[in-house]
Amino acid sequence: MSRPFSRSSKNLRRALWLPAAAAGLLLAILLAVSYGAKSIPLPEVWAAIFRFDADDEAHQIIRNLRLPRALGAAVTGMAFGAAGALMQGVTRNPLADTGILGVNAGAAFVVALAFAFLPGLSYFNLILLSFTGAALATLFIVMLGSATPGGLSSLKLTIAGAVAAALLHSFSTGVAIYYGLSQDLAFWYAGGVAGVRWSHLKLLAPIVIVTLAWSVSMGRSITFLSLGDESAVNLGVRAGRIRVLAMTAAVLLAGSSVSVAGAVGFVGLVAPHVARRLVSVDYRLIIPMSALLGGTLLELADIASRMVSPPREFAIGAMVALVGVPFFLYLARKEGRSL
């Protein structure tokens, strides 16, 4: 009699992690709005959000600068986190991440080309080009990993992604140097959300929210697919179709986020692994949990980037890498033992 009760209790605890993570993300957003060159008390932040006074300078700073920046970090972090969960689920590669596998680098390369040949491009068109670059990079990586004898494997996918990322980064650097864009493109390489405005969020947020909902709707099939193609097919899942759809969602999330925050890596690596520890193997829970944890991680990285050497700011990508690189090395060593 105690076993069913224990199982239901465990499921309840797993379900409670989602609202807890959502509360943590909300708290991180409030802290990000409060902290800056001039610290603003949380009660005043709350007043600026819900009782805005246009004549109050602090309210103007919060509404026009800090709030869109904080929300931009949350939305892009959620997108990177969910994209990593999708890629890890459908490829069964625990090292999969849009940064490590070169997807972000593909988006950043197309942004570099846009800066060189299409100056003054609208933000909407920049999102489209960023998504196109991410999609082409993904296709190239899969083809490169599949070209060797034995077909595509987790290790080959990781190596192909690393090669593609290095190649695309070299191309981007070459474009930046030749066309004198090094200063303009430094943001995209290092990552940051200081330039996020409400006009960006009006385009980015709907894309991320709709794609996240779509991804969660595929969660059951992705859970079966993560167990292996044969098991998924036996359970009625059309493996090829789900894999393409899930990768499309991941590329859309990553590409649109790179257009705002730059090529930030490791968020999609760390968040899904922590999410699996908290909510088990069900991707209907892993995907939203990864999104919430990814948003919190990028929010905290943004806060940390302002605390290192104020009033100067460090790149968000560097702050995330302080966590992501040791985590990647730990996973690589752990997985290497089973190869």
Protein backbone atom coordinates (compact mmCIF):
# COMPACT_ATOMS: atom_id res chain seq x y z
CA MET A 1 0.00 0.00 0.00
CA SER A 2 2.90 2.34 0.62
CA ARG A 3 4.34 2.02 -2.92
CA PRO A 4 1.51 3.79 -4.84
CA PHE A 5 1.49 6.52 -2.17
CA SER A 6 5.24 6.94 -2.49
CA ARG A 7 4.99 7.13 -6.30
CA SER A 8 2.23 9.75 -6.19
CA SER A 9 4.19 11.74 -3.61
CA LYS A 10 7.24 11.70 -5.86
CA ASN A 11 5.17 12.86 -8.85
CA LEU A 12 3.73 15.69 -6.76
CA ARG A 13 7.20 16.85 -5.74
CA ARG A 14 8.30 16.81 -9.38
CA ALA A 15 5.27 18.84 -10.43
CA LEU A 16 5.97 21.42 -7.71
CA TRP A 17 9.42 22.12 -9.14
CA LEU A 18 7.85 23.98 -12.09
CA PRO A 19 6.10 26.71 -10.04
CA ALA A 20 9.20 26.90 -7.83
CA ALA A 21 11.39 27.47 -10.89
CA ALA A 22 8.92 30.06 -12.23
CA ALA A 23 9.08 31.91 -8.90
CA GLY A 24 12.88 31.78 -9.01
CA LEU A 25 12.90 33.28 -12.51
CA LEU A 26 10.51 36.06 -11.42
CA LEU A 27 12.75 36.87 -8.45
CA ALA A 28 15.83 36.95 -10.72
CA ILE A 29 14.04 39.37 -13.08
CA LEU A 30 13.17 41.70 -10.18
CA LEU A 31 16.78 41.61 -8.93
CA ALA A 32 18.07 42.34 -12.45
CA VAL A 33 15.78 45.38 -12.67
CA SER A 34 16.79 46.56 -9.20
CA TYR A 35 20.55 46.24 -9.63
CA GLY A 36 22.58 48.57 -11.87
CA ALA A 37 24.79 51.65 -11.88
CA LYS A 38 22.22 53.01 -9.45
CA SER A 39 20.51 50.46 -7.23
CA ILE A 40 16.75 50.86 -6.93
CA PRO A 41 14.81 49.31 -4.01
CA LEU A 42 12.47 46.46 -4.92
CA PRO A 43 9.34 48.31 -3.68
CA GLU A 44 10.12 51.12 -6.13
CA VAL A 45 10.64 48.58 -8.90
CA TRP A 46 7.22 47.12 -8.10
CA ALA A 47 5.69 50.62 -8.13
CA ALA A 48 7.30 51.45 -11.48
CA ILE A 49 5.81 48.32 -13.03
CA PHE A 50 2.27 48.61 -11.67
CA ARG A 51 1.95 52.34 -10.80
CA PHE A 52 4.13 54.01 -13.41
CA ASP A 53 4.86 57.71 -12.91
CA ALA A 54 6.19 59.33 -16.10
CA ASP A 55 7.69 62.22 -14.10
CA ASP A 56 9.78 59.93 -11.89
CA GLU A 57 13.32 59.45 -13.27
CA ALA A 58 13.75 56.07 -11.55
CA HIS A 59 10.48 54.87 -13.07
CA GLN A 60 11.70 55.99 -16.52
CA ILE A 61 14.96 54.05 -16.09
CA ILE A 62 13.09 50.95 -14.98
CA ARG A 63 10.42 51.06 -17.67
CA ASN A 64 12.59 52.03 -20.66
CA LEU A 65 15.96 50.41 -19.92
CA ARG A 66 16.11 47.85 -17.15
CA LEU A 67 12.80 46.05 -17.58
CA PRO A 68 13.21 45.27 -21.31
CA ARG A 69 16.81 44.20 -20.62
CA ALA A 70 15.73 41.85 -17.81
CA LEU A 71 12.85 40.41 -19.84
CA GLY A 72 15.18 40.03 -22.84
CA ALA A 73 17.60 37.95 -20.74
CA ALA A 74 14.72 35.82 -19.45
CA VAL A 75 13.15 35.19 -22.86
CA THR A 76 16.43 34.41 -24.64
CA GLY A 77 17.58 32.18 -21.76
CA MET A 78 14.29 30.30 -21.90
CA ALA A 79 14.72 29.82 -25.64
CA PHE A 80 18.30 28.55 -25.35
CA GLY A 81 17.37 26.21 -22.48
CA ALA A 82 14.40 24.68 -24.31
CA ALA A 83 16.39 24.38 -27.55
CA GLY A 84 19.08 22.40 -25.72
CA ALA A 85 16.46 20.08 -24.22
CA LEU A 86 14.95 19.44 -27.65
CA MET A 87 18.33 18.69 -29.23
CA GLN A 88 19.40 16.38 -26.41
CA GLY A 89 16.08 14.54 -26.58
CA VAL A 90 15.93 13.85 -30.30
CA THR A 91 19.66 13.18 -30.80
CA ARG A 92 20.11 11.26 -27.51
CA ASN A 93 23.33 13.25 -27.16
CA PRO A 94 23.91 14.50 -23.60
CA LEU A 95 26.48 17.02 -24.92
CA ALA A 96 24.05 18.61 -27.38
CA ASP A 97 23.67 22.39 -27.14
CA THR A 98 23.02 24.99 -29.81
CA GLY A 99 26.33 26.66 -28.96
CA ILE A 100 28.48 23.53 -28.83
CA LEU A 101 26.94 22.06 -32.00
CA GLY A 102 27.53 25.24 -34.03
CA VAL A 103 23.90 26.31 -34.47
CA ASN A 104 24.53 29.65 -32.76
CA ALA A 105 27.65 30.15 -34.86
CA GLY A 106 25.61 29.69 -38.04
CA ALA A 107 23.14 32.34 -36.93
CA ALA A 108 25.95 34.71 -35.93
CA PHE A 109 27.71 34.25 -39.30
CA VAL A 110 24.59 35.27 -41.21
CA VAL A 111 24.22 38.28 -38.88
CA ALA A 112 27.81 39.24 -39.79
CA LEU A 113 26.95 39.01 -43.50
CA ALA A 114 23.84 41.13 -42.91
CA PHE A 115 25.91 43.80 -41.16
CA ALA A 116 28.37 43.82 -44.08
CA PHE A 117 26.01 43.73 -47.06
CA LEU A 118 22.60 44.80 -45.73
CA PRO A 119 23.15 47.70 -43.30
CA GLY A 120 20.01 49.18 -41.83
CA LEU A 121 18.14 45.87 -42.03
CA SER A 122 14.96 45.75 -39.95
CA TYR A 123 14.96 43.62 -36.81
CA PHE A 124 12.25 41.34 -38.21
CA ASN A 125 14.38 40.56 -41.27
CA LEU A 126 17.40 40.07 -39.02
CA ILE A 127 15.45 37.38 -37.12
CA LEU A 128 14.60 35.66 -40.40
CA LEU A 129 18.24 35.69 -41.54
CA SER A 130 19.44 34.51 -38.13
CA PHE A 131 17.00 31.58 -38.26
CA THR A 132 18.14 30.77 -41.81
CA GLY A 133 21.77 30.73 -40.72
CA ALA A 134 20.98 28.45 -37.78
CA ALA A 135 19.00 26.08 -40.03
CA LEU A 136 21.74 25.87 -42.67
CA ALA A 137 24.37 25.28 -39.99
CA THR A 138 22.28 22.45 -38.51
CA LEU A 139 21.88 20.84 -41.93
CA PHE A 140 25.61 21.11 -42.59
CA ILE A 141 26.49 19.60 -39.19
CA VAL A 142 24.14 16.64 -39.65
CA MET A 143 25.51 16.00 -43.17
CA LEU A 144 29.10 16.26 -41.92
CA GLY A 145 28.47 13.88 -39.03
CA SER A 146 26.66 11.40 -41.30
CA ALA A 147 29.37 11.37 -43.98
CA THR A 148 31.65 8.99 -42.07
CA PRO A 149 31.31 5.19 -42.02
CA GLY A 150 28.79 3.97 -39.47
CA GLY A 151 26.48 6.95 -39.82
CA LEU A 152 25.64 9.63 -37.29
CA SER A 153 26.39 9.08 -33.58
CA SER A 154 26.46 11.29 -30.49
CA LEU A 155 30.24 11.59 -30.58
CA LYS A 156 30.33 12.35 -34.33
CA LEU A 157 27.59 14.94 -33.95
CA THR A 158 29.54 16.71 -31.20
CA ILE A 159 32.77 16.68 -33.21
CA ALA A 160 31.01 17.86 -36.37
CA GLY A 161 29.37 20.67 -34.39
CA ALA A 162 32.69 21.78 -32.91
CA VAL A 163 34.32 21.79 -36.36
CA ALA A 164 31.43 23.75 -37.88
CA ALA A 165 31.42 26.25 -35.00
CA ALA A 166 35.16 26.91 -35.40
CA LEU A 167 34.81 27.24 -39.18
CA LEU A 168 31.85 29.61 -39.02
CA HIS A 169 33.46 31.70 -36.30
CA SER A 170 36.56 32.06 -38.51
CA PHE A 171 34.39 33.18 -41.43
CA SER A 172 32.56 35.68 -39.22
CA THR A 173 35.85 37.10 -37.95
CA GLY A 174 37.14 37.39 -41.52
CA VAL A 175 34.02 39.29 -42.59
CA ALA A 176 34.28 41.57 -39.55
CA ILE A 177 37.95 42.40 -40.22
CA TYR A 178 37.59 42.88 -43.98
CA TYR A 179 34.56 45.16 -43.72
CA GLY A 180 35.64 46.97 -40.56
CA LEU A 181 32.82 45.57 -38.43
CA SER A 182 34.82 44.23 -35.50
CA GLN A 183 33.37 46.72 -33.03
CA ASP A 184 29.79 46.20 -34.24
CA LEU A 185 30.04 42.41 -34.16
CA ALA A 186 31.84 42.15 -30.83
CA PHE A 187 28.45 42.13 -29.12
CA TRP A 188 27.25 39.13 -31.13
CA TYR A 189 30.35 37.12 -30.33
CA ALA A 190 30.41 37.88 -26.60
CA GLY A 191 26.67 37.99 -25.98
CA GLY A 192 24.66 40.58 -24.12
CA VAL A 193 21.20 42.01 -23.57
CA ALA A 194 22.03 45.64 -22.78
CA GLY A 195 20.62 46.74 -26.14
CA VAL A 196 17.25 44.97 -25.84
CA ARG A 197 14.27 47.31 -26.28
CA TRP A 198 10.51 46.85 -26.21
CA SER A 199 10.44 46.78 -30.03
CA HIS A 200 12.69 43.69 -29.95
CA LEU A 201 10.58 41.94 -27.34
CA LYS A 202 7.35 42.56 -29.28
CA LEU A 203 8.77 40.38 -32.06
CA LEU A 204 10.89 37.93 -30.06
CA ALA A 205 8.52 37.06 -27.20
CA PRO A 206 5.61 35.76 -29.36
CA ILE A 207 8.01 33.62 -31.40
CA VAL A 208 9.55 32.07 -28.28
CA ILE A 209 6.20 31.56 -26.46
CA VAL A 210 4.48 29.93 -29.45
CA THR A 211 7.51 27.72 -30.20
CA LEU A 212 7.76 26.67 -26.55
CA ALA A 213 4.09 25.68 -26.52
CA TRP A 214 4.61 23.74 -29.75
CA SER A 215 7.68 22.02 -28.26
CA VAL A 216 5.81 20.98 -25.10
CA SER A 217 3.02 19.53 -27.26
CA MET A 218 5.66 17.20 -28.76
CA GLY A 219 6.99 16.28 -25.32
CA ARG A 220 5.40 12.84 -25.10
CA SER A 221 6.78 11.78 -28.49
CA ILE A 222 10.22 13.21 -27.68
CA THR A 223 10.23 11.21 -24.42
CA PHE A 224 9.67 8.01 -26.40
CA LEU A 225 12.24 9.08 -29.01
CA SER A 226 14.84 9.68 -26.30
CA LEU A 227 14.54 5.96 -25.43
CA GLY A 228 15.60 4.97 -28.96
CA ASP A 229 14.05 4.86 -32.43
CA GLU A 230 12.97 1.24 -32.16
CA SER A 231 11.15 1.80 -28.88
CA ALA A 232 9.55 4.98 -30.21
CA VAL A 233 8.27 3.28 -33.37
CA ASN A 234 6.85 0.39 -31.34
CA LEU A 235 4.95 2.97 -29.28
CA GLY A 236 3.45 4.54 -32.40
CA VAL A 237 5.80 7.51 -32.79
CA ARG A 238 6.81 8.62 -36.28
CA ALA A 239 10.46 9.05 -35.36
CA GLY A 240 11.67 10.84 -38.48
CA ARG A 241 8.82 13.35 -38.47
CA ILE A 242 9.17 14.19 -34.76
CA ARG A 243 12.93 14.55 -35.07
CA VAL A 244 12.58 17.05 -37.94
CA LEU A 245 9.85 19.02 -36.16
CA ALA A 246 11.75 19.14 -32.86
CA MET A 247 14.99 20.22 -34.57
CA THR A 248 13.05 22.91 -36.44
CA ALA A 249 11.68 24.20 -33.14
CA ALA A 250 15.18 24.17 -31.59
CA VAL A 251 16.66 26.05 -34.55
CA LEU A 252 13.83 28.61 -34.44
CA LEU A 253 14.39 29.20 -30.73
CA ALA A 254 18.16 29.47 -31.07
CA GLY A 255 18.15 31.57 -34.24
CA SER A 256 15.70 34.15 -32.94
CA SER A 257 17.57 34.42 -29.63
CA VAL A 258 20.96 34.93 -31.27
CA SER A 259 19.47 37.90 -33.14
CA VAL A 260 18.88 39.55 -29.72
CA ALA A 261 21.48 38.27 -27.27
CA GLY A 262 24.28 37.05 -29.54
CA ALA A 263 25.86 33.62 -29.70
CA VAL A 264 25.55 32.65 -26.01
CA GLY A 265 26.54 29.05 -25.41
CA PHE A 266 26.18 26.44 -22.64
CA VAL A 267 22.72 27.56 -21.43
CA GLY A 268 21.13 24.75 -23.44
CA LEU A 269 23.69 22.29 -22.08
CA VAL A 270 23.36 23.01 -18.36
CA ALA A 271 19.60 23.68 -18.01
CA PRO A 272 18.27 20.34 -19.44
CA HIS A 273 20.62 18.25 -17.28
CA VAL A 274 19.51 20.04 -14.13
CA ALA A 275 15.88 19.78 -15.28
CA ARG A 276 16.16 16.00 -15.70
CA ARG A 277 17.49 15.72 -12.15
CA LEU A 278 14.44 17.59 -10.85
CA VAL A 279 11.54 16.29 -12.99
CA SER A 280 12.78 12.91 -14.29
CA VAL A 281 12.65 11.83 -17.96
CA ASP A 282 9.28 13.18 -19.13
CA TYR A 283 9.96 15.84 -21.77
CA ARG A 284 6.54 17.38 -21.16
CA LEU A 285 8.16 18.57 -17.92
CA ILE A 286 11.80 18.73 -19.01
CA ILE A 287 11.17 21.27 -21.80
CA PRO A 288 9.35 23.90 -19.68
CA MET A 289 11.70 23.25 -16.74
CA SER A 290 14.73 23.72 -19.00
CA ALA A 291 13.22 26.97 -20.28
CA LEU A 292 12.69 28.32 -16.75
CA LEU A 293 16.16 27.28 -15.59
CA GLY A 294 17.75 28.68 -18.76
CA GLY A 295 16.01 32.00 -18.23
CA THR A 296 17.18 32.13 -14.61
CA LEU A 297 20.76 31.20 -15.56
CA LEU A 298 21.02 33.95 -18.18
CA GLU A 299 19.36 36.45 -15.83
CA LEU A 300 21.89 35.68 -13.09
CA ALA A 301 24.72 35.88 -15.64
CA ASP A 302 23.51 39.36 -16.63
CA ILE A 303 23.47 40.44 -12.98
CA ALA A 304 26.96 38.98 -12.44
CA SER A 305 28.28 40.75 -15.55
CA ARG A 306 27.39 44.08 -13.90
CA MET A 307 28.88 43.17 -10.51
CA VAL A 308 32.41 42.19 -11.60
CA SER A 309 33.79 45.65 -12.33
CA PRO A 310 31.11 48.36 -12.15
CA PRO A 311 30.28 50.56 -13.97
CA ARG A 312 31.83 48.49 -16.78
CA GLU A 313 30.08 45.29 -17.82
CA PHE A 314 31.45 41.88 -18.74
CA ALA A 315 29.95 39.83 -21.55
CA ILE A 316 27.12 37.51 -20.55
CA GLY A 317 28.64 34.73 -22.66
CA ALA A 318 31.81 34.84 -20.56
CA MET A 319 29.85 34.65 -17.32
CA VAL A 320 27.81 31.65 -18.52
CA ALA A 321 31.00 29.95 -19.72
CA LEU A 322 32.39 30.05 -16.16
CA VAL A 323 29.65 27.55 -15.29
CA GLY A 324 29.23 25.89 -18.69
CA VAL A 325 32.83 24.93 -19.47
CA PRO A 326 33.46 22.93 -16.25
CA PHE A 327 30.03 21.35 -16.67
CA PHE A 328 30.84 20.36 -20.27
CA LEU A 329 34.21 18.88 -19.25
CA TYR A 330 32.53 16.88 -16.49
CA LEU A 331 29.93 15.50 -18.93
CA ALA A 332 32.54 14.78 -21.61
CA ARG A 333 34.63 12.81 -19.13
CA LYS A 334 31.57 10.96 -17.84
CA GLU A 335 30.36 10.08 -21.33
CA GLY A 336 33.86 9.18 -22.50
CA ARG A 337 33.93 6.28 -20.06
CA SER A 338 30.96 4.69 -21.80
CA LEU A 339 32.24 5.05 -25.37
